[in-house]
N, C-alpha and C. Protein backbone atom coordinates (compact mmCIF):
# COMPACT_ATOMS: atom_id res chain seq x y z
N MET A 1 128.08 110.74 23.87
CA MET A 1 127.83 110.49 22.54
C MET A 1 126.50 111.33 22.16
N ILE A 2 126.43 111.73 20.95
CA ILE A 2 125.42 112.54 20.41
C ILE A 2 124.97 111.87 19.06
N ILE A 3 123.73 111.81 18.93
CA ILE A 3 123.08 111.40 17.75
C ILE A 3 122.46 112.50 16.94
N GLN A 4 122.73 112.58 15.82
CA GLN A 4 122.05 113.87 14.88
C GLN A 4 121.48 113.20 13.84
N VAL A 5 120.12 113.51 13.56
CA VAL A 5 119.39 112.92 12.37
C VAL A 5 119.07 114.16 11.53
N VAL A 6 119.45 114.11 10.18
CA VAL A 6 119.19 115.25 9.29
C VAL A 6 118.26 114.62 8.02
N ASN A 7 117.41 115.34 7.73
CA ASN A 7 116.63 115.01 6.46
C ASN A 7 116.43 116.18 5.54
N PHE A 8 116.30 115.90 4.38
CA PHE A 8 116.04 116.93 3.34
C PHE A 8 115.45 116.36 2.18
N ASN A 9 114.94 117.13 1.16
CA ASN A 9 114.50 116.82 -0.13
C ASN A 9 115.57 117.32 -1.19
N LEU A 10 115.64 116.69 -2.17
CA LEU A 10 116.49 117.01 -3.29
C LEU A 10 115.81 118.06 -4.23
N ASP A 11 116.47 119.18 -4.77
CA ASP A 11 115.94 120.10 -5.41
C ASP A 11 116.88 120.40 -6.47
N GLY A 12 116.59 120.00 -7.80
CA GLY A 12 117.39 120.34 -8.89
C GLY A 12 118.48 119.51 -9.26
N ILE A 13 118.44 118.33 -8.61
CA ILE A 13 119.48 117.30 -8.74
C ILE A 13 118.95 115.89 -8.75
N THR A 14 119.24 114.93 -9.44
CA THR A 14 118.71 113.79 -9.44
C THR A 14 119.23 112.64 -8.40
N HIS A 15 118.51 111.65 -8.16
CA HIS A 15 118.96 110.67 -7.15
C HIS A 15 120.35 110.18 -7.51
N GLU A 16 120.60 109.96 -8.88
CA GLU A 16 122.07 109.54 -9.26
C GLU A 16 123.00 110.65 -9.04
N GLN A 17 122.69 111.75 -9.09
CA GLN A 17 123.58 112.96 -8.95
C GLN A 17 123.88 113.01 -7.24
N TYR A 18 122.91 112.89 -6.57
CA TYR A 18 123.15 112.56 -5.11
C TYR A 18 123.94 111.60 -4.74
N GLU A 19 123.75 110.47 -5.33
CA GLU A 19 124.64 109.18 -5.00
C GLU A 19 126.10 109.49 -5.35
N GLY A 20 126.20 110.15 -6.47
CA GLY A 20 127.60 110.43 -6.91
C GLY A 20 128.29 111.27 -5.98
N ALA A 21 127.58 112.29 -5.61
CA ALA A 21 128.15 113.29 -4.55
C ALA A 21 128.44 112.66 -3.20
N ALA A 22 127.52 111.78 -2.84
CA ALA A 22 127.66 111.20 -1.64
C ALA A 22 128.94 110.25 -1.56
N THR A 23 129.12 109.67 -2.68
CA THR A 23 130.42 108.81 -2.79
C THR A 23 131.71 109.59 -2.70
N GLU A 24 131.58 110.86 -3.45
CA GLU A 24 132.76 111.57 -3.46
C GLU A 24 133.02 112.31 -2.10
N LEU A 25 131.94 112.56 -1.18
CA LEU A 25 132.19 113.26 -0.08
C LEU A 25 132.43 112.29 1.16
N ALA A 26 132.03 111.02 0.93
CA ALA A 26 132.37 110.04 1.97
C ALA A 26 133.76 110.10 2.70
N PRO A 27 134.89 110.26 1.97
CA PRO A 27 136.18 110.35 2.66
C PRO A 27 136.30 111.69 3.48
N SER A 28 135.74 112.59 3.09
CA SER A 28 135.73 113.90 3.89
C SER A 28 135.03 113.72 5.20
N PHE A 29 133.77 113.16 5.21
CA PHE A 29 133.09 112.93 6.44
C PHE A 29 133.83 112.18 7.30
N LYS A 30 134.52 110.99 6.75
CA LYS A 30 135.24 110.15 7.48
C LYS A 30 136.49 110.84 8.27
N ALA A 31 137.00 111.92 7.60
CA ALA A 31 138.04 112.63 8.26
C ALA A 31 137.64 113.68 9.33
N LEU A 32 136.16 113.92 9.49
CA LEU A 32 135.82 114.81 10.56
C LEU A 32 136.21 114.54 12.01
N ASP A 33 136.85 115.47 12.65
CA ASP A 33 137.09 115.26 14.04
C ASP A 33 135.79 114.84 14.75
N GLY A 34 135.81 113.86 15.56
CA GLY A 34 134.65 113.55 16.47
C GLY A 34 133.52 112.84 16.00
N LEU A 35 133.61 112.60 14.56
CA LEU A 35 132.52 111.87 13.86
C LEU A 35 132.83 110.41 14.06
N ILE A 36 131.85 109.78 14.70
CA ILE A 36 132.14 108.14 14.89
C ILE A 36 131.55 107.38 13.72
N SER A 37 130.47 107.87 13.25
CA SER A 37 129.91 107.09 12.05
C SER A 37 128.76 108.19 11.36
N LYS A 38 128.58 107.92 10.19
CA LYS A 38 127.50 108.37 9.39
C LYS A 38 126.82 107.54 8.53
N VAL A 39 125.55 107.37 8.61
CA VAL A 39 124.66 106.47 7.71
C VAL A 39 123.90 107.48 6.82
N TRP A 40 124.07 107.22 5.61
CA TRP A 40 123.42 107.80 4.46
C TRP A 40 121.97 107.31 4.41
N LEU A 41 121.01 108.29 4.22
CA LEU A 41 119.55 107.82 4.21
C LEU A 41 119.13 108.28 2.69
N SER A 42 118.42 107.40 2.14
CA SER A 42 117.97 107.66 0.76
C SER A 42 116.59 106.95 0.40
N ASP A 43 115.55 107.76 0.21
CA ASP A 43 114.12 107.29 -0.18
C ASP A 43 113.81 107.94 -1.44
N LYS A 44 114.31 107.34 -2.47
CA LYS A 44 114.16 108.03 -3.96
C LYS A 44 112.69 108.31 -4.27
N ASP A 45 111.72 107.35 -3.84
CA ASP A 45 110.25 107.33 -4.19
C ASP A 45 109.59 108.50 -3.43
N ASN A 46 110.09 108.78 -2.30
CA ASN A 46 109.43 110.02 -1.67
C ASN A 46 110.52 111.21 -1.49
N ASN A 47 111.54 111.28 -2.21
CA ASN A 47 112.45 112.24 -2.37
C ASN A 47 112.84 112.84 -0.91
N THR A 48 113.11 111.81 -0.17
CA THR A 48 113.71 112.03 1.25
C THR A 48 115.06 111.43 1.52
N TYR A 49 116.02 112.40 1.73
CA TYR A 49 117.34 112.02 1.92
C TYR A 49 117.85 112.65 3.26
N GLY A 50 119.14 112.15 3.80
CA GLY A 50 119.55 112.69 4.87
C GLY A 50 120.76 111.76 5.41
N GLY A 51 120.91 111.81 6.75
CA GLY A 51 121.96 111.10 7.34
C GLY A 51 121.65 111.01 8.88
N VAL A 52 122.37 109.92 9.50
CA VAL A 52 122.29 109.76 10.86
C VAL A 52 123.65 109.76 11.28
N TYR A 53 124.06 110.81 12.10
CA TYR A 53 125.45 111.11 12.62
C TYR A 53 125.62 110.54 13.91
N THR A 54 126.80 109.96 14.28
CA THR A 54 127.09 109.71 15.74
C THR A 54 128.33 110.48 16.02
N TRP A 55 128.23 111.29 16.86
CA TRP A 55 129.25 112.22 17.37
C TRP A 55 129.85 111.79 18.64
N GLU A 56 131.12 112.07 18.88
CA GLU A 56 131.69 111.74 20.22
C GLU A 56 131.09 112.57 21.25
N ASN A 57 130.84 113.89 20.96
CA ASN A 57 130.23 114.88 22.01
C ASN A 57 129.56 116.02 21.15
N ARG A 58 128.85 116.77 22.14
CA ARG A 58 128.16 117.89 21.44
C ARG A 58 129.07 118.87 20.78
N GLN A 59 130.31 119.16 21.33
CA GLN A 59 131.37 119.97 20.79
C GLN A 59 131.69 119.66 19.45
N ALA A 60 131.95 118.24 19.12
CA ALA A 60 132.29 117.89 17.88
C ALA A 60 131.21 118.14 16.82
N MET A 61 129.98 117.95 17.16
CA MET A 61 128.82 118.21 16.38
C MET A 61 128.64 119.70 16.04
N ASP A 62 128.78 120.47 17.14
CA ASP A 62 128.71 122.04 16.98
C ASP A 62 129.97 122.46 16.09
N ASN A 63 131.05 121.86 16.27
CA ASN A 63 132.28 122.21 15.38
C ASN A 63 131.98 122.02 13.83
N TYR A 64 131.28 120.84 13.59
CA TYR A 64 130.83 120.53 12.22
C TYR A 64 129.94 121.53 11.69
N LEU A 65 128.89 121.80 12.55
CA LEU A 65 127.71 122.75 12.15
C LEU A 65 128.40 124.04 11.86
N SER A 66 129.30 124.59 12.54
CA SER A 66 129.76 125.84 12.38
C SER A 66 131.05 125.84 11.32
N SER A 67 131.19 124.90 10.74
CA SER A 67 132.46 124.74 9.58
C SER A 67 132.17 125.13 8.34
N GLU A 68 133.18 125.55 7.64
CA GLU A 68 133.00 125.81 6.16
C GLU A 68 132.55 124.54 5.40
N PHE A 69 133.02 123.42 5.79
CA PHE A 69 132.61 122.12 5.21
C PHE A 69 131.13 122.04 5.18
N TYR A 70 130.48 122.25 6.44
CA TYR A 70 129.01 122.05 6.59
C TYR A 70 128.30 123.12 5.70
N ASP A 71 128.84 124.35 5.52
CA ASP A 71 128.20 125.36 4.74
C ASP A 71 128.22 124.99 3.37
N GLU A 72 129.32 124.40 2.83
CA GLU A 72 129.43 124.05 1.45
C GLU A 72 128.70 122.76 1.13
N VAL A 73 128.57 121.86 2.02
CA VAL A 73 127.87 120.66 1.76
C VAL A 73 126.39 120.56 1.93
N LEU A 74 125.99 121.27 2.98
CA LEU A 74 124.46 121.15 3.48
C LEU A 74 123.93 122.54 3.88
N GLY A 75 124.58 123.28 4.42
CA GLY A 75 124.05 124.61 5.10
C GLY A 75 123.52 125.46 4.03
N ASN A 76 124.40 125.68 3.01
CA ASN A 76 123.96 126.69 1.94
C ASN A 76 124.02 126.16 0.50
N ASN A 77 123.50 124.81 0.55
CA ASN A 77 123.62 124.09 -0.66
C ASN A 77 122.12 124.19 -1.09
N PRO A 78 121.94 124.81 -2.51
CA PRO A 78 120.67 124.92 -2.95
C PRO A 78 120.01 123.65 -3.58
N SER A 79 120.77 122.72 -3.55
CA SER A 79 120.21 121.32 -3.89
C SER A 79 119.53 120.62 -3.01
N PHE A 80 119.46 120.96 -1.67
CA PHE A 80 118.97 120.41 -0.66
C PHE A 80 117.84 121.45 0.00
N ALA A 81 116.59 120.89 -0.10
CA ALA A 81 115.44 121.88 0.49
C ALA A 81 114.93 121.01 1.75
N ASN A 82 114.19 122.04 2.49
CA ASN A 82 113.52 121.39 3.58
C ASN A 82 114.44 120.74 4.55
N VAL A 83 115.69 121.16 4.75
CA VAL A 83 116.46 120.65 5.67
C VAL A 83 115.80 120.70 7.23
N SER A 84 115.92 119.52 7.83
CA SER A 84 115.41 119.45 9.25
C SER A 84 116.38 118.57 10.01
N TYR A 85 116.39 118.86 11.28
CA TYR A 85 117.37 118.21 12.22
C TYR A 85 116.47 117.62 13.29
């Protein structure tokens, strides 16, 4: 089992827009191979957001990180700044 913690700041979108996007994306995350769980993180006052992912193994996490889905959602998303792992 692998735990992945991701943090970022919103840039150019509101907290409410982020929440809406998270709600829309939740089913896509649920369908990811090897993802056991994802906890969404949200601290509106400090503009800190992210997630805690629990993966079956390292390969499942690496597959996500190299996927088109990752690039679209987080990797190349201009709405998320200062992404850290």
